[in-house]
């Protein structure tokens, strides 16, 4: 066999299969790429929010006014909520988690009059009360967890909250001198900061590389504001011994549902390259 024929036979036996094998391996080893969302939500942010709030107030009152009855009442009110927020997010793929603090004003002002239960057929025991609640400074510290789809972030939040409130109770009770002296009156008030918890849900949309708009619902539960009271009303100045006495304990329990819109500025999001 000539050298040329041998070379041709060698190529046919070994060269072509290797070429086919090499081609097959090149197809199998072709790398695949999986899209990973850019972490546009990672970073420190600051913002403002404003909205409306609905407060439901439960009142429990045990009192002694010539008797020892107990009253359970409730009323509602609406007001404004507004404030600022500061937070930090970390994004891994589509998942976002972080912490957020809110501080602002929460209007829970409201009042209502109630006829309180008294022993029947005894006009001297009749008494009514006006309960009032007003709020002001509020704040919360919450954890956030959410799912991001490019510009849109859906999230849940929950944590602790506080609210500074003032409670007032005004009582008017009958007495033996009602027609000529008027009713006996008693006023009590208390100002304190109450602690509670909050949960919420929201959606946030990145308007640009640094600004985002959010819509959020939040529920607050602040437990009960409890106060003991005691008062004496000398309803007839001409007869110092004629007096009415009221003593008892009341609890006012506010729960609040708020819806707010807000605007956040993120400090280190960078440019728009991560946004579609």
C-alpha atoms as a PDB file:
ATOM      1  CA  UNK A   1       0.000   0.000   0.000  1.00  0.00           C
ATOM      2  CA  UNK A   2       1.357   3.400  -0.874  1.00  0.00           C
ATOM      3  CA  UNK A   3       1.904   6.082   1.744  1.00  0.00           C
ATOM      4  CA  UNK A   4      -0.851   8.198   0.253  1.00  0.00           C
ATOM      5  CA  UNK A   5      -3.374   5.379   0.427  1.00  0.00           C
ATOM      6  CA  UNK A   6      -2.378   4.574   4.016  1.00  0.00           C
ATOM      7  CA  UNK A   7      -2.839   8.165   5.079  1.00  0.00           C
ATOM      8  CA  UNK A   8      -6.270   8.270   3.477  1.00  0.00           C
ATOM      9  CA  UNK A   9      -7.294   5.056   5.225  1.00  0.00           C
ATOM     10  CA  UNK A  10      -6.032   6.355   8.596  1.00  0.00           C
ATOM     11  CA  UNK A  11      -7.982   9.534   8.212  1.00  0.00           C
ATOM     12  CA  UNK A  12     -11.096   7.620   7.306  1.00  0.00           C
ATOM     13  CA  UNK A  13     -10.768   5.290  10.304  1.00  0.00           C
ATOM     14  CA  UNK A  14      -9.746   7.769  12.980  1.00  0.00           C
ATOM     15  CA  UNK A  15     -10.034  11.341  11.827  1.00  0.00           C
ATOM     16  CA  UNK A  16     -13.723  11.466  10.791  1.00  0.00           C
ATOM     17  CA  UNK A  17     -15.163   9.780  13.931  1.00  0.00           C
ATOM     18  CA  UNK A  18     -13.095  12.070  16.134  1.00  0.00           C
ATOM     19  CA  UNK A  19     -14.393  15.063  14.247  1.00  0.00           C
ATOM     20  CA  UNK A  20     -17.960  13.856  14.693  1.00  0.00           C
ATOM     21  CA  UNK A  21     -17.303  13.191  18.383  1.00  0.00           C
ATOM     22  CA  UNK A  22     -15.760  16.609  18.811  1.00  0.00           C
ATOM     23  CA  UNK A  23     -18.780  18.163  17.150  1.00  0.00           C
ATOM     24  CA  UNK A  24     -21.142  16.209  19.458  1.00  0.00           C
ATOM     25  CA  UNK A  25     -19.207  17.232  22.565  1.00  0.00           C
ATOM     26  CA  UNK A  26     -19.255  20.853  21.510  1.00  0.00           C
ATOM     27  CA  UNK A  27     -23.029  20.725  21.308  1.00  0.00           C
ATOM     28  CA  UNK A  28     -23.429  19.072  24.709  1.00  0.00           C
ATOM     29  CA  UNK A  29     -21.041  21.473  26.426  1.00  0.00           C
ATOM     30  CA  UNK A  30     -22.773  24.633  25.207  1.00  0.00           C
ATOM     31  CA  UNK A  31     -23.281  26.767  28.377  1.00  0.00           C
ATOM     32  CA  UNK A  32     -26.799  27.879  29.392  1.00  0.00           C
ATOM     33  CA  UNK A  33     -27.559  31.173  31.029  1.00  0.00           C
ATOM     34  CA  UNK A  34     -30.257  31.895  33.635  1.00  0.00           C
ATOM     35  CA  UNK A  35     -31.566  35.435  34.075  1.00  0.00           C
ATOM     36  CA  UNK A  36     -30.881  36.890  37.509  1.00  0.00           C
ATOM     37  CA  UNK A  37     -32.761  40.094  38.371  1.00  0.00           C
ATOM     38  CA  UNK A  38     -30.538  43.053  39.127  1.00  0.00           C
ATOM     39  CA  UNK A  39     -30.715  43.914  42.857  1.00  0.00           C
ATOM     40  CA  UNK A  40     -32.316  47.307  42.341  1.00  0.00           C
ATOM     41  CA  UNK A  41     -34.031  47.215  45.760  1.00  0.00           C
ATOM     42  CA  UNK A  42     -30.873  46.787  47.834  1.00  0.00           C
ATOM     43  CA  UNK A  43     -29.909  49.835  49.854  1.00  0.00           C
ATOM     44  CA  UNK A  44     -30.872  52.545  52.318  1.00  0.00           C
ATOM     45  CA  UNK A  45     -33.988  54.595  51.635  1.00  0.00           C
ATOM     46  CA  UNK A  46     -35.909  57.518  53.150  1.00  0.00           C
ATOM     47  CA  UNK A  47     -39.426  58.712  52.392  1.00  0.00           C
ATOM     48  CA  UNK A  48     -42.723  60.318  53.373  1.00  0.00           C
ATOM     49  CA  UNK A  49     -46.271  58.971  53.597  1.00  0.00           C
ATOM     50  CA  UNK A  50     -49.815  60.299  54.071  1.00  0.00           C
ATOM     51  CA  UNK A  51     -53.250  58.717  54.213  1.00  0.00           C
ATOM     52  CA  UNK A  52     -56.399  58.077  56.210  1.00  0.00           C
ATOM     53  CA  UNK A  53     -57.044  56.029  59.336  1.00  0.00           C
ATOM     54  CA  UNK A  54     -60.121  54.460  60.907  1.00  0.00           C
ATOM     55  CA  UNK A  55     -60.091  53.948  64.688  1.00  0.00           C
ATOM     56  CA  UNK A  56     -62.423  51.579  66.545  1.00  0.00           C
ATOM     57  CA  UNK A  57     -62.587  52.246  70.284  1.00  0.00           C
ATOM     58  CA  UNK A  58     -63.947  49.815  72.870  1.00  0.00           C
ATOM     59  CA  UNK A  59     -64.796  51.143  76.335  1.00  0.00           C
ATOM     60  CA  UNK A  60     -65.127  49.034  79.474  1.00  0.00           C
ATOM     61  CA  UNK A  61     -66.204  50.907  82.605  1.00  0.00           C
ATOM     62  CA  UNK A  62     -66.926  49.600  86.100  1.00  0.00           C
ATOM     63  CA  UNK A  63     -68.195  52.356  88.382  1.00  0.00           C
ATOM     64  CA  UNK A  64     -69.910  53.038  91.674  1.00  0.00           C
ATOM     65  CA  UNK A  65     -72.565  55.745  91.740  1.00  0.00           C
ATOM     66  CA  UNK A  66     -75.011  54.687  94.414  1.00  0.00           C
ATOM     67  CA  UNK A  67     -74.698  51.251  92.774  1.00  0.00           C
ATOM     68  CA  UNK A  68     -72.042  49.055  91.165  1.00  0.00           C
ATOM     69  CA  UNK A  69     -72.858  48.414  87.491  1.00  0.00           C
ATOM     70  CA  UNK A  70     -70.598  47.701  84.539  1.00  0.00           C
ATOM     71  CA  UNK A  71     -70.815  49.141  81.002  1.00  0.00           C
ATOM     72  CA  UNK A  72     -69.415  47.927  77.680  1.00  0.00           C
ATOM     73  CA  UNK A  73     -69.578  50.392  74.770  1.00  0.00           C
ATOM     74  CA  UNK A  74     -67.765  51.169  71.549  1.00  0.00           C
ATOM     75  CA  UNK A  75     -67.526  53.915  68.937  1.00  0.00           C
ATOM     76  CA  UNK A  76     -65.454  54.781  65.873  1.00  0.00           C
ATOM     77  CA  UNK A  77     -63.738  57.761  64.298  1.00  0.00           C
ATOM     78  CA  UNK A  78     -61.699  58.652  61.211  1.00  0.00           C
ATOM     79  CA  UNK A  79     -58.607  60.809  60.869  1.00  0.00           C
ATOM     80  CA  UNK A  80     -55.364  61.497  59.064  1.00  0.00           C
ATOM     81  CA  UNK A  81     -52.056  59.653  59.274  1.00  0.00           C
ATOM     82  CA  UNK A  82     -48.814  61.203  57.987  1.00  0.00           C
ATOM     83  CA  UNK A  83     -45.118  60.834  58.625  1.00  0.00           C
ATOM     84  CA  UNK A  84     -41.698  59.774  57.425  1.00  0.00           C
ATOM     85  CA  UNK A  85     -40.017  56.402  57.021  1.00  0.00           C
ATOM     86  CA  UNK A  86     -36.432  55.155  56.996  1.00  0.00           C
ATOM     87  CA  UNK A  87     -35.414  51.655  55.969  1.00  0.00           C
ATOM     88  CA  UNK A  88     -32.892  49.295  54.452  1.00  0.00           C
ATOM     89  CA  UNK A  89     -33.490  46.467  51.962  1.00  0.00           C
ATOM     90  CA  UNK A  90     -31.418  43.518  50.799  1.00  0.00           C
ATOM     91  CA  UNK A  91     -32.340  41.766  47.540  1.00  0.00           C
ATOM     92  CA  UNK A  92     -31.372  38.182  46.601  1.00  0.00           C
ATOM     93  CA  UNK A  93     -32.813  37.273  43.216  1.00  0.00           C
ATOM     94  CA  UNK A  94     -36.520  38.032  43.383  1.00  0.00           C
ATOM     95  CA  UNK A  95     -36.668  38.049  47.190  1.00  0.00           C
ATOM     96  CA  UNK A  96     -36.308  41.240  49.221  1.00  0.00           C
ATOM     97  CA  UNK A  97     -36.087  41.618  52.983  1.00  0.00           C
ATOM     98  CA  UNK A  98     -35.234  44.451  55.344  1.00  0.00           C
ATOM     99  CA  UNK A  99     -36.284  46.694  58.219  1.00  0.00           C
ATOM    100  CA  UNK A 100     -38.289  49.926  58.298  1.00  0.00           C
ATOM    101  CA  UNK A 101     -39.088  52.560  60.926  1.00  0.00           C
ATOM    102  CA  UNK A 102     -42.021  55.004  60.722  1.00  0.00           C
ATOM    103  CA  UNK A 103     -42.514  58.189  62.729  1.00  0.00           C
ATOM    104  CA  UNK A 104     -45.371  60.635  62.369  1.00  0.00           C
ATOM    105  CA  UNK A 105     -48.797  61.891  63.381  1.00  0.00           C
ATOM    106  CA  UNK A 106     -51.846  59.669  63.784  1.00  0.00           C
ATOM    107  CA  UNK A 107     -55.179  61.382  64.391  1.00  0.00           C
ATOM    108  CA  UNK A 108     -57.503  59.159  66.423  1.00  0.00           C
ATOM    109  CA  UNK A 109     -59.657  61.955  67.854  1.00  0.00           C
ATOM    110  CA  UNK A 110     -63.226  61.000  68.704  1.00  0.00           C
ATOM    111  CA  UNK A 111     -65.820  61.067  71.461  1.00  0.00           C
ATOM    112  CA  UNK A 112     -69.299  59.758  72.194  1.00  0.00           C
ATOM    113  CA  UNK A 113     -71.924  59.994  74.923  1.00  0.00           C
ATOM    114  CA  UNK A 114     -73.521  56.888  76.477  1.00  0.00           C
ATOM    115  CA  UNK A 115     -76.292  56.369  79.007  1.00  0.00           C
ATOM    116  CA  UNK A 116     -74.779  54.011  81.550  1.00  0.00           C
ATOM    117  CA  UNK A 117     -76.829  51.189  83.100  1.00  0.00           C
ATOM    118  CA  UNK A 118     -78.230  51.875  86.578  1.00  0.00           C
ATOM    119  CA  UNK A 119     -80.672  50.132  88.919  1.00  0.00           C
ATOM    120  CA  UNK A 120     -84.242  50.469  87.639  1.00  0.00           C
ATOM    121  CA  UNK A 121     -86.880  52.745  89.180  1.00  0.00           C
ATOM    122  CA  UNK A 122     -84.344  54.953  90.960  1.00  0.00           C
ATOM    123  CA  UNK A 123     -83.830  58.302  89.172  1.00  0.00           C
ATOM    124  CA  UNK A 124     -81.168  59.319  91.703  1.00  0.00           C
ATOM    125  CA  UNK A 125     -78.842  56.699  90.237  1.00  0.00           C
ATOM    126  CA  UNK A 126     -79.037  57.812  86.596  1.00  0.00           C
ATOM    127  CA  UNK A 127     -75.671  58.651  85.085  1.00  0.00           C
ATOM    128  CA  UNK A 128     -74.174  59.117  81.639  1.00  0.00           C
ATOM    129  CA  UNK A 129     -70.618  59.410  80.329  1.00  0.00           C
ATOM    130  CA  UNK A 130     -68.802  60.955  77.392  1.00  0.00           C
ATOM    131  CA  UNK A 131     -65.603  59.139  76.502  1.00  0.00           C
ATOM    132  CA  UNK A 132     -62.978  60.911  74.391  1.00  0.00           C
ATOM    133  CA  UNK A 133     -59.731  59.792  72.804  1.00  0.00           C
ATOM    134  CA  UNK A 134     -57.184  61.907  70.951  1.00  0.00           C
ATOM    135  CA  UNK A 135     -53.880  60.842  69.456  1.00  0.00           C
ATOM    136  CA  UNK A 136     -50.710  62.412  68.176  1.00  0.00           C
ATOM    137  CA  UNK A 137     -47.193  61.098  67.834  1.00  0.00           C
ATOM    138  CA  UNK A 138     -46.896  57.512  66.612  1.00  0.00           C
ATOM    139  CA  UNK A 139     -44.092  55.257  65.446  1.00  0.00           C
ATOM    140  CA  UNK A 140     -43.272  51.674  64.571  1.00  0.00           C
ATOM    141  CA  UNK A 141     -40.329  49.391  63.853  1.00  0.00           C
ATOM    142  CA  UNK A 142     -41.098  46.549  61.453  1.00  0.00           C
ATOM    143  CA  UNK A 143     -39.449  43.790  59.468  1.00  0.00           C
ATOM    144  CA  UNK A 144     -40.295  43.603  55.739  1.00  0.00           C
ATOM    145  CA  UNK A 145     -40.193  40.656  53.368  1.00  0.00           C
ATOM    146  CA  UNK A 146     -41.281  40.745  49.756  1.00  0.00           C
ATOM    147  CA  UNK A 147     -41.080  39.527  46.170  1.00  0.00           C
ATOM    148  CA  UNK A 148     -39.702  41.760  43.417  1.00  0.00           C
ATOM    149  CA  UNK A 149     -40.512  41.528  39.726  1.00  0.00           C
ATOM    150  CA  UNK A 150     -38.218  44.116  38.162  1.00  0.00           C
ATOM    151  CA  UNK A 151     -39.741  47.515  39.038  1.00  0.00           C
ATOM    152  CA  UNK A 152     -42.558  46.108  41.225  1.00  0.00           C
ATOM    153  CA  UNK A 153     -42.149  44.981  44.841  1.00  0.00           C
ATOM    154  CA  UNK A 154     -44.930  43.276  46.827  1.00  0.00           C
ATOM    155  CA  UNK A 155     -44.254  42.982  50.555  1.00  0.00           C
ATOM    156  CA  UNK A 156     -45.494  42.119  54.033  1.00  0.00           C
ATOM    157  CA  UNK A 157     -44.425  43.897  57.214  1.00  0.00           C
ATOM    158  CA  UNK A 158     -44.910  43.473  60.950  1.00  0.00           C
ATOM    159  CA  UNK A 159     -43.470  44.624  64.249  1.00  0.00           C
ATOM    160  CA  UNK A 160     -43.950  46.856  67.294  1.00  0.00           C
ATOM    161  CA  UNK A 161     -45.660  50.249  67.477  1.00  0.00           C
ATOM    162  CA  UNK A 162     -46.332  53.072  69.925  1.00  0.00           C
ATOM    163  CA  UNK A 163     -48.898  55.870  70.137  1.00  0.00           C
ATOM    164  CA  UNK A 164     -49.193  58.867  72.434  1.00  0.00           C
ATOM    165  CA  UNK A 165     -52.859  59.299  73.432  1.00  0.00           C
ATOM    166  CA  UNK A 166     -54.985  61.414  75.741  1.00  0.00           C
ATOM    167  CA  UNK A 167     -58.144  59.881  77.198  1.00  0.00           C
ATOM    168  CA  UNK A 168     -60.930  61.873  78.814  1.00  0.00           C
ATOM    169  CA  UNK A 169     -64.109  60.833  80.624  1.00  0.00           C
ATOM    170  CA  UNK A 170     -66.907  63.255  81.503  1.00  0.00           C
ATOM    171  CA  UNK A 171     -69.723  61.968  83.722  1.00  0.00           C
ATOM    172  CA  UNK A 172     -73.083  63.581  84.532  1.00  0.00           C
ATOM    173  CA  UNK A 173     -75.127  61.974  87.275  1.00  0.00           C
ATOM    174  CA  UNK A 174     -78.524  62.623  88.802  1.00  0.00           C
ATOM    175  CA  UNK A 175     -78.895  63.629  92.450  1.00  0.00           C
ATOM    176  CA  UNK A 176     -81.531  64.716  94.925  1.00  0.00           C
ATOM    177  CA  UNK A 177     -81.167  68.325  93.778  1.00  0.00           C
ATOM    178  CA  UNK A 178     -81.185  67.835  90.001  1.00  0.00           C
ATOM    179  CA  UNK A 179     -84.037  70.265  89.260  1.00  0.00           C
ATOM    180  CA  UNK A 180     -82.544  73.208  91.185  1.00  0.00           C
ATOM    181  CA  UNK A 181     -78.823  72.404  91.230  1.00  0.00           C
ATOM    182  CA  UNK A 182     -78.267  70.575  87.968  1.00  0.00           C
ATOM    183  CA  UNK A 183     -76.524  67.215  87.573  1.00  0.00           C
ATOM    184  CA  UNK A 184     -73.398  66.207  89.383  1.00  0.00           C
ATOM    185  CA  UNK A 185     -70.402  66.300  87.023  1.00  0.00           C
ATOM    186  CA  UNK A 186     -67.033  64.562  87.105  1.00  0.00           C
ATOM    187  CA  UNK A 187     -64.077  64.944  84.715  1.00  0.00           C
ATOM    188  CA  UNK A 188     -61.028  62.725  84.430  1.00  0.00           C
ATOM    189  CA  UNK A 189     -58.208  62.721  81.895  1.00  0.00           C
ATOM    190  CA  UNK A 190     -54.924  60.920  81.342  1.00  0.00           C
ATOM    191  CA  UNK A 191     -52.068  61.255  78.872  1.00  0.00           C
ATOM    192  CA  UNK A 192     -49.710  58.381  78.170  1.00  0.00           C
ATOM    193  CA  UNK A 193     -47.735  56.509  75.525  1.00  0.00           C
ATOM    194  CA  UNK A 194     -49.095  53.053  74.796  1.00  0.00           C
ATOM    195  CA  UNK A 195     -47.299  50.140  73.123  1.00  0.00           C
ATOM    196  CA  UNK A 196     -48.775  47.610  70.721  1.00  0.00           C
ATOM    197  CA  UNK A 197     -48.168  45.746  67.480  1.00  0.00           C
ATOM    198  CA  UNK A 198     -48.747  46.290  63.793  1.00  0.00           C
ATOM    199  CA  UNK A 199     -48.964  44.251  60.589  1.00  0.00           C
ATOM    200  CA  UNK A 200     -49.303  45.439  57.013  1.00  0.00           C
ATOM    201  CA  UNK A 201     -49.153  44.699  53.312  1.00  0.00           C
ATOM    202  CA  UNK A 202     -48.030  46.901  50.469  1.00  0.00           C
ATOM    203  CA  UNK A 203     -46.859  47.382  46.894  1.00  0.00           C
ATOM    204  CA  UNK A 204     -43.975  49.567  45.740  1.00  0.00           C
ATOM    205  CA  UNK A 205     -43.039  50.611  42.195  1.00  0.00           C
ATOM    206  CA  UNK A 206     -39.660  51.995  41.103  1.00  0.00           C
ATOM    207  CA  UNK A 207     -40.300  55.187  39.137  1.00  0.00           C
ATOM    208  CA  UNK A 208     -36.601  55.684  38.428  1.00  0.00           C
ATOM    209  CA  UNK A 209     -33.193  54.632  39.690  1.00  0.00           C
ATOM    210  CA  UNK A 210     -33.738  56.495  42.975  1.00  0.00           C
ATOM    211  CA  UNK A 211     -37.485  57.157  43.427  1.00  0.00           C
ATOM    212  CA  UNK A 212     -40.273  54.672  44.192  1.00  0.00           C
ATOM    213  CA  UNK A 213     -43.987  55.051  44.907  1.00  0.00           C
ATOM    214  CA  UNK A 214     -45.798  52.817  47.434  1.00  0.00           C
ATOM    215  CA  UNK A 215     -49.344  51.998  48.528  1.00  0.00           C
ATOM    216  CA  UNK A 216     -49.734  50.375  51.956  1.00  0.00           C
ATOM    217  CA  UNK A 217     -52.383  49.035  54.338  1.00  0.00           C
ATOM    218  CA  UNK A 218     -51.488  48.773  58.022  1.00  0.00           C
ATOM    219  CA  UNK A 219     -53.358  47.506  61.103  1.00  0.00           C
ATOM    220  CA  UNK A 220     -52.465  48.693  64.626  1.00  0.00           C
ATOM    221  CA  UNK A 221     -53.530  47.189  67.957  1.00  0.00           C
ATOM    222  CA  UNK A 222     -52.515  49.141  71.066  1.00  0.00           C
ATOM    223  CA  UNK A 223     -54.171  47.060  73.782  1.00  0.00           C
ATOM    224  CA  UNK A 224     -55.987  48.967  76.539  1.00  0.00           C
ATOM    225  CA  UNK A 225     -55.537  52.311  78.250  1.00  0.00           C
ATOM    226  CA  UNK A 226     -56.613  51.648  81.848  1.00  0.00           C
ATOM    227  CA  UNK A 227     -57.285  54.300  84.467  1.00  0.00           C
ATOM    228  CA  UNK A 228     -58.816  54.431  87.930  1.00  0.00           C
ATOM    229  CA  UNK A 229     -60.848  57.459  88.950  1.00  0.00           C
ATOM    230  CA  UNK A 230     -62.513  58.987  92.002  1.00  0.00           C
ATOM    231  CA  UNK A 231     -64.429  62.220  92.317  1.00  0.00           C
ATOM    232  CA  UNK A 232     -66.744  64.084  94.701  1.00  0.00           C
ATOM    233  CA  UNK A 233     -69.202  66.756  93.568  1.00  0.00           C
ATOM    234  CA  UNK A 234     -70.756  69.046  96.201  1.00  0.00           C
ATOM    235  CA  UNK A 235     -73.761  69.844  94.039  1.00  0.00           C
ATOM    236  CA  UNK A 236     -75.441  72.249  96.501  1.00  0.00           C
ATOM    237  CA  UNK A 237     -73.175  75.008  97.865  1.00  0.00           C
ATOM    238  CA  UNK A 238     -75.835  75.923 100.414  1.00  0.00           C
ATOM    239  CA  UNK A 239     -75.736  72.441 101.888  1.00  0.00           C
ATOM    240  CA  UNK A 240     -72.081  71.266 102.068  1.00  0.00           C
ATOM    241  CA  UNK A 241     -73.153  67.822 103.201  1.00  0.00           C
ATOM    242  CA  UNK A 242     -75.056  67.249  99.959  1.00  0.00           C
ATOM    243  CA  UNK A 243     -72.638  65.604  97.620  1.00  0.00           C
ATOM    244  CA  UNK A 244     -72.320  62.875  95.010  1.00  0.00           C
ATOM    245  CA  UNK A 245     -69.387  60.500  94.788  1.00  0.00           C
ATOM    246  CA  UNK A 246     -68.180  58.529  91.766  1.00  0.00           C
ATOM    247  CA  UNK A 247     -65.394  55.965  91.709  1.00  0.00           C
ATOM    248  CA  UNK A 248     -64.397  53.252  89.271  1.00  0.00           C
ATOM    249  CA  UNK A 249     -62.025  51.922  86.649  1.00  0.00           C
ATOM    250  CA  UNK A 250     -62.231  52.328  82.865  1.00  0.00           C
ATOM    251  CA  UNK A 251     -60.395  50.777  79.925  1.00  0.00           C
ATOM    252  CA  UNK A 252     -60.282  52.301  76.458  1.00  0.00           C
ATOM    253  CA  UNK A 253     -58.970  49.972  73.730  1.00  0.00           C
ATOM    254  CA  UNK A 254     -58.112  51.511  70.313  1.00  0.00           C
ATOM    255  CA  UNK A 255     -57.477  49.509  67.125  1.00  0.00           C
ATOM    256  CA  UNK A 256     -56.585  51.355  63.934  1.00  0.00           C
ATOM    257  CA  UNK A 257     -56.669  50.548  60.223  1.00  0.00           C
ATOM    258  CA  UNK A 258     -54.729  52.904  57.950  1.00  0.00           C
ATOM    259  CA  UNK A 259     -54.143  53.214  54.208  1.00  0.00           C
ATOM    260  CA  UNK A 260     -51.260  55.400  53.039  1.00  0.00           C
ATOM    261  CA  UNK A 261     -49.426  56.389  49.885  1.00  0.00           C
ATOM    262  CA  UNK A 262     -45.742  57.199  50.085  1.00  0.00           C
ATOM    263  CA  UNK A 263     -42.659  58.223  48.166  1.00  0.00           C
ATOM    264  CA  UNK A 264     -39.202  56.755  48.849  1.00  0.00           C
ATOM    265  CA  UNK A 265     -35.762  57.978  47.836  1.00  0.00           C
ATOM    266  CA  UNK A 266     -33.105  55.261  47.663  1.00  0.00           C
ATOM    267  CA  UNK A 267     -29.601  56.565  48.216  1.00  0.00           C
ATOM    268  CA  UNK A 268     -27.409  53.932  46.541  1.00  0.00           C
ATOM    269  CA  UNK A 269     -29.510  52.247  43.873  1.00  0.00           C
ATOM    270  CA  UNK A 270     -27.158  53.527  41.143  1.00  0.00           C
ATOM    271  CA  UNK A 271     -28.215  54.094  37.528  1.00  0.00           C
ATOM    272  CA  UNK A 272     -31.107  52.764  35.496  1.00  0.00           C
ATOM    273  CA  UNK A 273     -29.194  49.798  34.085  1.00  0.00           C
ATOM    274  CA  UNK A 274     -30.921  47.369  36.439  1.00  0.00           C
ATOM    275  CA  UNK A 275     -34.394  48.567  35.382  1.00  0.00           C
ATOM    276  CA  UNK A 276     -36.124  47.199  32.325  1.00  0.00           C
END
